[in-house]
Amino acid sequence: LHPQLLCSPFAYRTYHKPLGYAGDYEMVNMILRDPLEGSSLFAKTVNLWFLSQAPAEAHRNRIKYLTKLLVEETRRVARDGRPIRIFDLGCGPAGEIQKFLIQDEICNHASFTLLDFNDETLQHVSRVLQDLKIKSGRRTKIDVVKKSVHQVLKDEAQPGAHQQKYDLVYCAGVFDYLSDRICKRLMNIFYDMLEPGGFLLATNVDLSNPSRNGMECLLEWHLTYRNCAQFSVLTPDRAHPGSAHLRSDETGVNIYLEVRKPHDG
């Protein structure tokens, strides 16, 4: 099937993985932009088919959810008379931040720390966000940092860890490639990074993904799937009872684990 399917730019990049891993920033960009890409009508049709599947739709839904979350949490903190501090591990192209900068001037009250381990991704996201800030006349503070999951875990053992606190910490998509043990460690770290009243979000692709076989057999795209029960186990150990909630997007393919830290810490 590959000679027929790989005419799709999305399928081609997903299968060949030019950066060495699935889910890179350009694959995400392809999911978000016009799906009618390809050198022929057939290629455009195949590309449209791939990007009409439930996981791609779930990713677009996730961007909408994250953009809304950025607006709501920034307004929450702005009511206290200060800018919000936001931490994002595995930022990729940061589609939600792009929309945030374009759509709502409340973004001027936000300060971002964006982490990714890939140089090309960081160069891309830095350029795109800076261009949007200039075009939209925004004052949003954005720091882009090269750091891997391994380095985040390693930093945990250093003196003075978590001196910098954040009002919103999120990790969208990274857990799809990590073990339960690593995810749990990260969730505990993230929770300790939160200010009192802060919000923590992690996402995962649900075990019920209807496109799993196609992703694995046709594109060699393998994820670590979890259902709601399995995902809830990753709730931070120090989270208060009742402070964690699970929800899913409209497709049921993406699940979100939301944790609110109490105002009394």
C-alpha atoms as a PDB file:
ATOM      1  CA  LEU A   1       0.000   0.000   0.000  1.00  0.00           C
ATOM      2  CA  HIS A   2       2.869   2.400   0.604  1.00  0.00           C
ATOM      3  CA  PRO A   3       3.382   3.395  -3.065  1.00  0.00           C
ATOM      4  CA  GLN A   4      -0.232   4.586  -3.086  1.00  0.00           C
ATOM      5  CA  LEU A   5      -0.411   6.079   0.419  1.00  0.00           C
ATOM      6  CA  LEU A   6       2.934   7.846   0.716  1.00  0.00           C
ATOM      7  CA  CYS A   7       2.002  10.329  -1.998  1.00  0.00           C
ATOM      8  CA  SER A   8       0.256  12.074   0.902  1.00  0.00           C
ATOM      9  CA  PRO A   9       2.691  14.617   2.418  1.00  0.00           C
ATOM     10  CA  PHE A  10       1.376  13.830   5.896  1.00  0.00           C
ATOM     11  CA  ALA A  11       1.717  10.067   5.483  1.00  0.00           C
ATOM     12  CA  TYR A  12       5.173  10.475   3.931  1.00  0.00           C
ATOM     13  CA  ARG A  13       6.535  12.534   6.809  1.00  0.00           C
ATOM     14  CA  THR A  14       4.870  10.382   9.443  1.00  0.00           C
ATOM     15  CA  TYR A  15       6.298   7.184   7.970  1.00  0.00           C
ATOM     16  CA  HIS A  16       9.831   8.468   7.261  1.00  0.00           C
ATOM     17  CA  LYS A  17      10.178  10.534  10.484  1.00  0.00           C
ATOM     18  CA  PRO A  18      12.900  12.940   9.267  1.00  0.00           C
ATOM     19  CA  LEU A  19      13.569  14.225  12.797  1.00  0.00           C
ATOM     20  CA  GLY A  20      13.804  10.669  14.105  1.00  0.00           C
ATOM     21  CA  TYR A  21      10.463  10.455  15.871  1.00  0.00           C
ATOM     22  CA  ALA A  22       6.736  10.578  15.216  1.00  0.00           C
ATOM     23  CA  GLY A  23       4.633  13.584  16.092  1.00  0.00           C
ATOM     24  CA  ASP A  24       7.191  16.241  15.180  1.00  0.00           C
ATOM     25  CA  TYR A  25       6.286  19.907  14.811  1.00  0.00           C
ATOM     26  CA  GLU A  26       5.715  19.787  11.048  1.00  0.00           C
ATOM     27  CA  MET A  27       3.415  16.766  11.333  1.00  0.00           C
ATOM     28  CA  VAL A  28       1.393  18.786  13.834  1.00  0.00           C
ATOM     29  CA  ASN A  29       1.400  21.776  11.486  1.00  0.00           C
ATOM     30  CA  MET A  30       0.038  19.530   8.735  1.00  0.00           C
ATOM     31  CA  ILE A  31      -2.826  18.448  10.988  1.00  0.00           C
ATOM     32  CA  LEU A  32      -3.752  22.076  11.644  1.00  0.00           C
ATOM     33  CA  ARG A  33      -3.508  23.609   8.177  1.00  0.00           C
ATOM     34  CA  ASP A  34      -5.347  23.034   4.871  1.00  0.00           C
ATOM     35  CA  PRO A  35      -5.414  19.232   4.352  1.00  0.00           C
ATOM     36  CA  LEU A  36      -5.559  19.487   0.550  1.00  0.00           C
ATOM     37  CA  GLU A  37      -1.806  19.133   0.066  1.00  0.00           C
ATOM     38  CA  GLY A  38      -0.098  16.912  -2.488  1.00  0.00           C
ATOM     39  CA  SER A  39       1.279  16.928  -6.016  1.00  0.00           C
ATOM     40  CA  SER A  40      -1.855  15.451  -7.623  1.00  0.00           C
ATOM     41  CA  LEU A  41      -5.593  15.213  -7.062  1.00  0.00           C
ATOM     42  CA  PHE A  42      -5.119  11.654  -5.811  1.00  0.00           C
ATOM     43  CA  ALA A  43      -2.389  12.743  -3.371  1.00  0.00           C
ATOM     44  CA  LYS A  44      -4.598  15.550  -2.071  1.00  0.00           C
ATOM     45  CA  THR A  45      -7.468  13.095  -1.598  1.00  0.00           C
ATOM     46  CA  VAL A  46      -5.284  10.642   0.321  1.00  0.00           C
ATOM     47  CA  ASN A  47      -3.892  13.458   2.461  1.00  0.00           C
ATOM     48  CA  LEU A  48      -7.420  14.688   3.200  1.00  0.00           C
ATOM     49  CA  TRP A  49      -8.436  11.160   4.208  1.00  0.00           C
ATOM     50  CA  PHE A  50      -5.575  10.815   6.696  1.00  0.00           C
ATOM     51  CA  LEU A  51      -6.294  14.211   8.216  1.00  0.00           C
ATOM     52  CA  SER A  52     -10.018  13.461   8.515  1.00  0.00           C
ATOM     53  CA  GLN A  53      -9.434  10.518  10.855  1.00  0.00           C
ATOM     54  CA  ALA A  54     -10.387  10.716  14.520  1.00  0.00           C
ATOM     55  CA  PRO A  55      -6.859  11.265  15.958  1.00  0.00           C
ATOM     56  CA  ALA A  56      -6.278  14.280  13.706  1.00  0.00           C
ATOM     57  CA  GLU A  57      -9.679  15.713  14.610  1.00  0.00           C
ATOM     58  CA  ALA A  58      -8.912  15.064  18.285  1.00  0.00           C
ATOM     59  CA  HIS A  59      -5.673  17.008  17.957  1.00  0.00           C
ATOM     60  CA  ARG A  60      -7.493  19.988  16.465  1.00  0.00           C
ATOM     61  CA  ASN A  61     -10.004  19.771  19.313  1.00  0.00           C
ATOM     62  CA  ARG A  62      -7.114  19.775  21.779  1.00  0.00           C
ATOM     63  CA  ILE A  63      -5.756  23.015  20.341  1.00  0.00           C
ATOM     64  CA  LYS A  64      -9.178  24.633  20.824  1.00  0.00           C
ATOM     65  CA  TYR A  65      -9.357  23.332  24.390  1.00  0.00           C
ATOM     66  CA  LEU A  66      -5.852  24.576  25.226  1.00  0.00           C
ATOM     67  CA  THR A  67      -6.491  28.009  23.721  1.00  0.00           C
ATOM     68  CA  LYS A  68      -9.636  28.366  25.840  1.00  0.00           C
ATOM     69  CA  LEU A  69      -7.693  27.188  28.897  1.00  0.00           C
ATOM     70  CA  LEU A  70      -4.977  29.791  28.321  1.00  0.00           C
ATOM     71  CA  VAL A  71      -7.577  32.554  28.151  1.00  0.00           C
ATOM     72  CA  GLU A  72      -9.477  31.382  31.247  1.00  0.00           C
ATOM     73  CA  GLU A  73      -6.412  30.864  33.427  1.00  0.00           C
ATOM     74  CA  THR A  74      -4.815  34.155  32.361  1.00  0.00           C
ATOM     75  CA  ARG A  75      -8.008  36.000  33.279  1.00  0.00           C
ATOM     76  CA  ARG A  76      -8.114  34.173  36.617  1.00  0.00           C
ATOM     77  CA  VAL A  77      -4.608  35.284  37.564  1.00  0.00           C
ATOM     78  CA  ALA A  78      -5.061  38.784  36.099  1.00  0.00           C
ATOM     79  CA  ARG A  79      -7.838  39.341  38.642  1.00  0.00           C
ATOM     80  CA  ASP A  80      -5.097  39.143  41.280  1.00  0.00           C
ATOM     81  CA  GLY A  81      -3.315  42.006  39.533  1.00  0.00           C
ATOM     82  CA  ARG A  82      -0.334  40.094  38.158  1.00  0.00           C
ATOM     83  CA  PRO A  83       0.719  38.257  34.979  1.00  0.00           C
ATOM     84  CA  ILE A  84       0.243  34.512  34.731  1.00  0.00           C
ATOM     85  CA  ARG A  85       3.294  32.237  34.569  1.00  0.00           C
ATOM     86  CA  ILE A  86       2.810  29.266  32.231  1.00  0.00           C
ATOM     87  CA  PHE A  87       5.043  26.199  31.751  1.00  0.00           C
ATOM     88  CA  ASP A  88       4.679  23.843  28.772  1.00  0.00           C
ATOM     89  CA  LEU A  89       6.761  20.679  28.359  1.00  0.00           C
ATOM     90  CA  GLY A  90       6.969  19.424  24.771  1.00  0.00           C
ATOM     91  CA  CYS A  91       5.688  22.605  23.167  1.00  0.00           C
ATOM     92  CA  GLY A  92       6.060  21.566  19.496  1.00  0.00           C
ATOM     93  CA  PRO A  93       4.756  24.337  17.214  1.00  0.00           C
ATOM     94  CA  ALA A  94       2.572  25.692  20.062  1.00  0.00           C
ATOM     95  CA  GLY A  95      -0.566  26.059  17.952  1.00  0.00           C
ATOM     96  CA  GLU A  96      -2.626  27.021  20.987  1.00  0.00           C
ATOM     97  CA  ILE A  97      -0.233  29.846  21.864  1.00  0.00           C
ATOM     98  CA  GLN A  98      -0.344  31.083  18.285  1.00  0.00           C
ATOM     99  CA  LYS A  99      -4.132  31.322  18.515  1.00  0.00           C
ATOM    100  CA  PHE A 100      -3.904  32.904  21.962  1.00  0.00           C
ATOM    101  CA  LEU A 101      -1.623  35.658  20.643  1.00  0.00           C
ATOM    102  CA  ILE A 102      -3.880  36.337  17.664  1.00  0.00           C
ATOM    103  CA  GLN A 103      -7.280  36.164  19.335  1.00  0.00           C
ATOM    104  CA  ASP A 104      -7.121  37.756  22.787  1.00  0.00           C
ATOM    105  CA  GLU A 105      -5.248  40.789  24.117  1.00  0.00           C
ATOM    106  CA  ILE A 106      -5.303  39.193  27.579  1.00  0.00           C
ATOM    107  CA  CYS A 107      -2.174  37.399  26.301  1.00  0.00           C
ATOM    108  CA  ASN A 108      -0.255  40.573  27.223  1.00  0.00           C
ATOM    109  CA  HIS A 109      -0.646  39.421  30.838  1.00  0.00           C
ATOM    110  CA  ALA A 110       1.014  36.037  30.194  1.00  0.00           C
ATOM    111  CA  SER A 111       4.589  34.829  30.573  1.00  0.00           C
ATOM    112  CA  PHE A 112       5.508  31.487  28.962  1.00  0.00           C
ATOM    113  CA  THR A 113       8.331  29.020  29.515  1.00  0.00           C
ATOM    114  CA  LEU A 114       8.286  26.552  26.607  1.00  0.00           C
ATOM    115  CA  LEU A 115      10.397  23.395  26.627  1.00  0.00           C
ATOM    116  CA  ASP A 116      11.286  21.051  23.780  1.00  0.00           C
ATOM    117  CA  PHE A 117      14.275  18.801  23.126  1.00  0.00           C
ATOM    118  CA  ASN A 118      14.610  19.361  19.363  1.00  0.00           C
ATOM    119  CA  ASP A 119      16.624  22.271  17.934  1.00  0.00           C
ATOM    120  CA  GLU A 120      14.649  22.558  14.694  1.00  0.00           C
ATOM    121  CA  THR A 121      11.383  22.667  16.619  1.00  0.00           C
ATOM    122  CA  LEU A 122      12.676  25.389  18.930  1.00  0.00           C
ATOM    123  CA  GLN A 123      13.929  27.491  16.024  1.00  0.00           C
ATOM    124  CA  HIS A 124      10.563  27.146  14.289  1.00  0.00           C
ATOM    125  CA  VAL A 125       8.393  27.964  17.293  1.00  0.00           C
ATOM    126  CA  SER A 126      10.610  30.883  18.319  1.00  0.00           C
ATOM    127  CA  ARG A 127      10.377  32.436  14.862  1.00  0.00           C
ATOM    128  CA  VAL A 128       6.631  31.893  14.476  1.00  0.00           C
ATOM    129  CA  LEU A 129       5.710  33.245  17.912  1.00  0.00           C
ATOM    130  CA  GLN A 130       7.997  36.259  17.586  1.00  0.00           C
ATOM    131  CA  ASP A 131       6.497  37.082  14.186  1.00  0.00           C
ATOM    132  CA  LEU A 132       2.987  36.823  15.641  1.00  0.00           C
ATOM    133  CA  LYS A 133       3.900  39.056  18.581  1.00  0.00           C
ATOM    134  CA  ILE A 134       5.158  41.735  16.204  1.00  0.00           C
ATOM    135  CA  LYS A 135       2.229  41.398  13.807  1.00  0.00           C
ATOM    136  CA  SER A 136      -0.357  41.487  16.608  1.00  0.00           C
ATOM    137  CA  GLY A 137       1.431  44.083  18.732  1.00  0.00           C
ATOM    138  CA  ARG A 138       1.659  41.783  21.763  1.00  0.00           C
ATOM    139  CA  ARG A 139       3.900  42.165  24.815  1.00  0.00           C
ATOM    140  CA  THR A 140       3.681  38.514  25.869  1.00  0.00           C
ATOM    141  CA  LYS A 141       6.919  37.225  27.424  1.00  0.00           C
ATOM    142  CA  ILE A 142       8.023  33.936  25.856  1.00  0.00           C
ATOM    143  CA  ASP A 143      11.146  31.996  26.868  1.00  0.00           C
ATOM    144  CA  VAL A 144      12.034  28.964  24.754  1.00  0.00           C
ATOM    145  CA  VAL A 145      14.283  26.394  26.434  1.00  0.00           C
ATOM    146  CA  LYS A 146      15.981  23.291  25.055  1.00  0.00           C
ATOM    147  CA  LYS A 147      15.369  20.542  27.585  1.00  0.00           C
ATOM    148  CA  SER A 148      14.358  16.886  27.371  1.00  0.00           C
ATOM    149  CA  VAL A 149      12.166  14.830  29.690  1.00  0.00           C
ATOM    150  CA  HIS A 150      15.347  13.182  30.991  1.00  0.00           C
ATOM    151  CA  GLN A 151      16.800  16.574  31.886  1.00  0.00           C
ATOM    152  CA  VAL A 152      13.591  17.642  33.635  1.00  0.00           C
ATOM    153  CA  LEU A 153      13.753  14.492  35.754  1.00  0.00           C
ATOM    154  CA  LYS A 154      17.452  15.019  36.424  1.00  0.00           C
ATOM    155  CA  ASP A 155      16.869  18.614  37.531  1.00  0.00           C
ATOM    156  CA  GLU A 156      14.479  17.328  40.189  1.00  0.00           C
ATOM    157  CA  ALA A 157      17.456  16.070  42.204  1.00  0.00           C
ATOM    158  CA  GLN A 158      19.264  19.420  42.120  1.00  0.00           C
ATOM    159  CA  PRO A 159      19.238  21.811  45.100  1.00  0.00           C
ATOM    160  CA  GLY A 160      16.669  24.557  44.730  1.00  0.00           C
ATOM    161  CA  ALA A 161      14.379  22.594  42.421  1.00  0.00           C
ATOM    162  CA  HIS A 162      10.963  24.247  41.908  1.00  0.00           C
ATOM    163  CA  GLN A 163      12.019  27.660  43.174  1.00  0.00           C
ATOM    164  CA  GLN A 164      10.210  29.088  40.145  1.00  0.00           C
ATOM    165  CA  LYS A 165       6.475  28.535  40.515  1.00  0.00           C
ATOM    166  CA  TYR A 166       3.831  28.561  37.781  1.00  0.00           C
ATOM    167  CA  ASP A 167       0.105  29.221  37.671  1.00  0.00           C
ATOM    168  CA  LEU A 168      -0.469  26.822  34.776  1.00  0.00           C
ATOM    169  CA  VAL A 169       1.589  23.759  33.877  1.00  0.00           C
ATOM    170  CA  TYR A 170       0.629  21.607  30.923  1.00  0.00           C
ATOM    171  CA  CYS A 171       2.045  18.707  28.962  1.00  0.00           C
ATOM    172  CA  ALA A 172       0.009  17.859  25.859  1.00  0.00           C
ATOM    173  CA  GLY A 173       1.032  14.851  23.786  1.00  0.00           C
ATOM    174  CA  VAL A 174       4.296  13.868  25.479  1.00  0.00           C
ATOM    175  CA  PHE A 175       2.714  11.172  27.657  1.00  0.00           C
ATOM    176  CA  ASP A 176       1.698   9.324  24.469  1.00  0.00           C
ATOM    177  CA  TYR A 177       5.332   8.191  24.245  1.00  0.00           C
ATOM    178  CA  LEU A 178       6.285   7.613  27.900  1.00  0.00           C
ATOM    179  CA  SER A 179       5.914   4.837  30.472  1.00  0.00           C
ATOM    180  CA  ASP A 180       3.646   5.071  33.508  1.00  0.00           C
ATOM    181  CA  ARG A 181       6.680   5.365  35.789  1.00  0.00           C
ATOM    182  CA  ILE A 182       8.095   8.387  33.957  1.00  0.00           C
ATOM    183  CA  CYS A 183       4.678  10.036  33.597  1.00  0.00           C
ATOM    184  CA  LYS A 184       3.976   9.674  37.309  1.00  0.00           C
ATOM    185  CA  ARG A 185       7.324  11.244  38.198  1.00  0.00           C
ATOM    186  CA  LEU A 186       6.613  14.137  35.859  1.00  0.00           C
ATOM    187  CA  MET A 187       3.140  14.682  37.296  1.00  0.00           C
ATOM    188  CA  ASN A 188       4.565  14.870  40.819  1.00  0.00           C
ATOM    189  CA  ILE A 189       7.194  17.358  39.626  1.00  0.00           C
ATOM    190  CA  PHE A 190       4.583  19.437  37.810  1.00  0.00           C
ATOM    191  CA  TYR A 191       2.357  19.550  40.884  1.00  0.00           C
ATOM    192  CA  ASP A 192       5.227  20.812  43.032  1.00  0.00           C
ATOM    193  CA  MET A 193       5.868  23.531  40.429  1.00  0.00           C
ATOM    194  CA  LEU A 194       2.346  24.936  40.842  1.00  0.00           C
ATOM    195  CA  GLU A 195       1.459  28.064  42.751  1.00  0.00           C
ATOM    196  CA  PRO A 196      -1.432  27.636  45.211  1.00  0.00           C
ATOM    197  CA  GLY A 197      -4.594  27.691  43.117  1.00  0.00           C
ATOM    198  CA  GLY A 198      -2.615  26.666  40.034  1.00  0.00           C
ATOM    199  CA  PHE A 199      -3.822  24.306  37.318  1.00  0.00           C
ATOM    200  CA  LEU A 200      -2.087  21.204  35.925  1.00  0.00           C
ATOM    201  CA  LEU A 201      -3.069  19.496  32.686  1.00  0.00           C
ATOM    202  CA  ALA A 202      -1.784  16.366  30.953  1.00  0.00           C
ATOM    203  CA  THR A 203      -3.230  14.617  27.894  1.00  0.00           C
ATOM    204  CA  ASN A 204      -3.114  11.115  26.441  1.00  0.00           C
ATOM    205  CA  VAL A 205      -4.576   9.260  23.484  1.00  0.00           C
ATOM    206  CA  ASP A 206      -7.298   6.896  24.658  1.00  0.00           C
ATOM    207  CA  LEU A 207      -6.990   3.142  24.315  1.00  0.00           C
ATOM    208  CA  SER A 208     -10.142   3.178  22.186  1.00  0.00           C
ATOM    209  CA  ASN A 209      -8.458   5.062  19.300  1.00  0.00           C
ATOM    210  CA  PRO A 210     -10.229   3.638  16.195  1.00  0.00           C
ATOM    211  CA  SER A 211      -7.215   4.412  13.985  1.00  0.00           C
ATOM    212  CA  ARG A 212      -4.654   2.540  16.073  1.00  0.00           C
ATOM    213  CA  ASN A 213      -4.146  -0.369  13.678  1.00  0.00           C
ATOM    214  CA  GLY A 214      -3.811   1.905  10.674  1.00  0.00           C
ATOM    215  CA  MET A 215      -1.339   4.173  12.444  1.00  0.00           C
ATOM    216  CA  GLU A 216       0.812   1.235  13.483  1.00  0.00           C
ATOM    217  CA  CYS A 217       0.645  -0.890  10.326  1.00  0.00           C
ATOM    218  CA  LEU A 218       0.678   1.830   7.656  1.00  0.00           C
ATOM    219  CA  LEU A 219       2.691   4.609   9.299  1.00  0.00           C
ATOM    220  CA  GLU A 220       4.706   2.801  12.007  1.00  0.00           C
ATOM    221  CA  TRP A 221       3.317   5.309  14.482  1.00  0.00           C
ATOM    222  CA  HIS A 222       3.193   3.678  17.914  1.00  0.00           C
ATOM    223  CA  LEU A 223       1.768   5.344  21.014  1.00  0.00           C
ATOM    224  CA  THR A 224       1.427   4.468  24.683  1.00  0.00           C
ATOM    225  CA  TYR A 225      -2.349   4.220  25.027  1.00  0.00           C
ATOM    226  CA  ARG A 226      -4.278   4.606  28.274  1.00  0.00           C
ATOM    227  CA  ASN A 227      -7.943   4.492  29.158  1.00  0.00           C
ATOM    228  CA  CYS A 228      -9.443   6.767  31.799  1.00  0.00           C
ATOM    229  CA  ALA A 229      -8.788   4.341  34.650  1.00  0.00           C
ATOM    230  CA  GLN A 230      -5.152   3.914  33.636  1.00  0.00           C
ATOM    231  CA  PHE A 231      -4.687   7.641  33.160  1.00  0.00           C
ATOM    232  CA  SER A 232      -6.208   8.535  36.525  1.00  0.00           C
ATOM    233  CA  VAL A 233      -3.465   6.497  38.232  1.00  0.00           C
ATOM    234  CA  LEU A 234      -1.030   9.207  37.094  1.00  0.00           C
ATOM    235  CA  THR A 235      -2.701  11.823  39.327  1.00  0.00           C
ATOM    236  CA  PRO A 236       0.003  13.480  41.484  1.00  0.00           C
ATOM    237  CA  ASP A 237       0.501  11.782  44.829  1.00  0.00           C
ATOM    238  CA  ARG A 238       0.079  15.044  46.720  1.00  0.00           C
ATOM    239  CA  ALA A 239      -3.076  16.144  44.923  1.00  0.00           C
ATOM    240  CA  HIS A 240      -6.013  16.638  47.279  1.00  0.00           C
ATOM    241  CA  PRO A 241      -8.912  14.173  46.985  1.00  0.00           C
ATOM    242  CA  GLY A 242     -11.468  15.453  44.520  1.00  0.00           C
ATOM    243  CA  SER A 243      -9.079  17.948  42.919  1.00  0.00           C
ATOM    244  CA  ALA A 244      -8.393  15.799  39.833  1.00  0.00           C
ATOM    245  CA  HIS A 245     -10.856  15.343  36.978  1.00  0.00           C
ATOM    246  CA  LEU A 246     -10.851  13.434  33.696  1.00  0.00           C
ATOM    247  CA  ARG A 247     -12.558  14.555  30.518  1.00  0.00           C
ATOM    248  CA  SER A 248     -12.345  13.679  26.842  1.00  0.00           C
ATOM    249  CA  ASP A 249     -12.738  15.599  23.617  1.00  0.00           C
ATOM    250  CA  GLU A 250     -15.731  15.149  21.308  1.00  0.00           C
ATOM    251  CA  THR A 251     -14.124  12.218  19.477  1.00  0.00           C
ATOM    252  CA  GLY A 252     -13.265  10.356  22.675  1.00  0.00           C
ATOM    253  CA  VAL A 253      -9.721   9.875  21.336  1.00  0.00           C
ATOM    254  CA  ASN A 254      -8.008  12.465  23.547  1.00  0.00           C
ATOM    255  CA  ILE A 255      -8.385  12.338  27.311  1.00  0.00           C
ATOM    256  CA  TYR A 256      -7.391  15.157  29.650  1.00  0.00           C
ATOM    257  CA  LEU A 257      -6.289  14.863  33.266  1.00  0.00           C
ATOM    258  CA  GLU A 258      -6.953  18.167  35.052  1.00  0.00           C
ATOM    259  CA  VAL A 259      -5.690  18.928  38.563  1.00  0.00           C
ATOM    260  CA  ARG A 260      -6.350  22.117  40.536  1.00  0.00           C
ATOM    261  CA  LYS A 261      -4.017  22.826  43.451  1.00  0.00           C
ATOM    262  CA  PRO A 262      -5.899  24.198  46.478  1.00  0.00           C
ATOM    263  CA  HIS A 263      -5.388  27.866  47.327  1.00  0.00           C
ATOM    264  CA  ASP A 264      -4.018  26.840  50.716  1.00  0.00           C
ATOM    265  CA  GLY A 265      -1.315  24.807  48.924  1.00  0.00           C
END
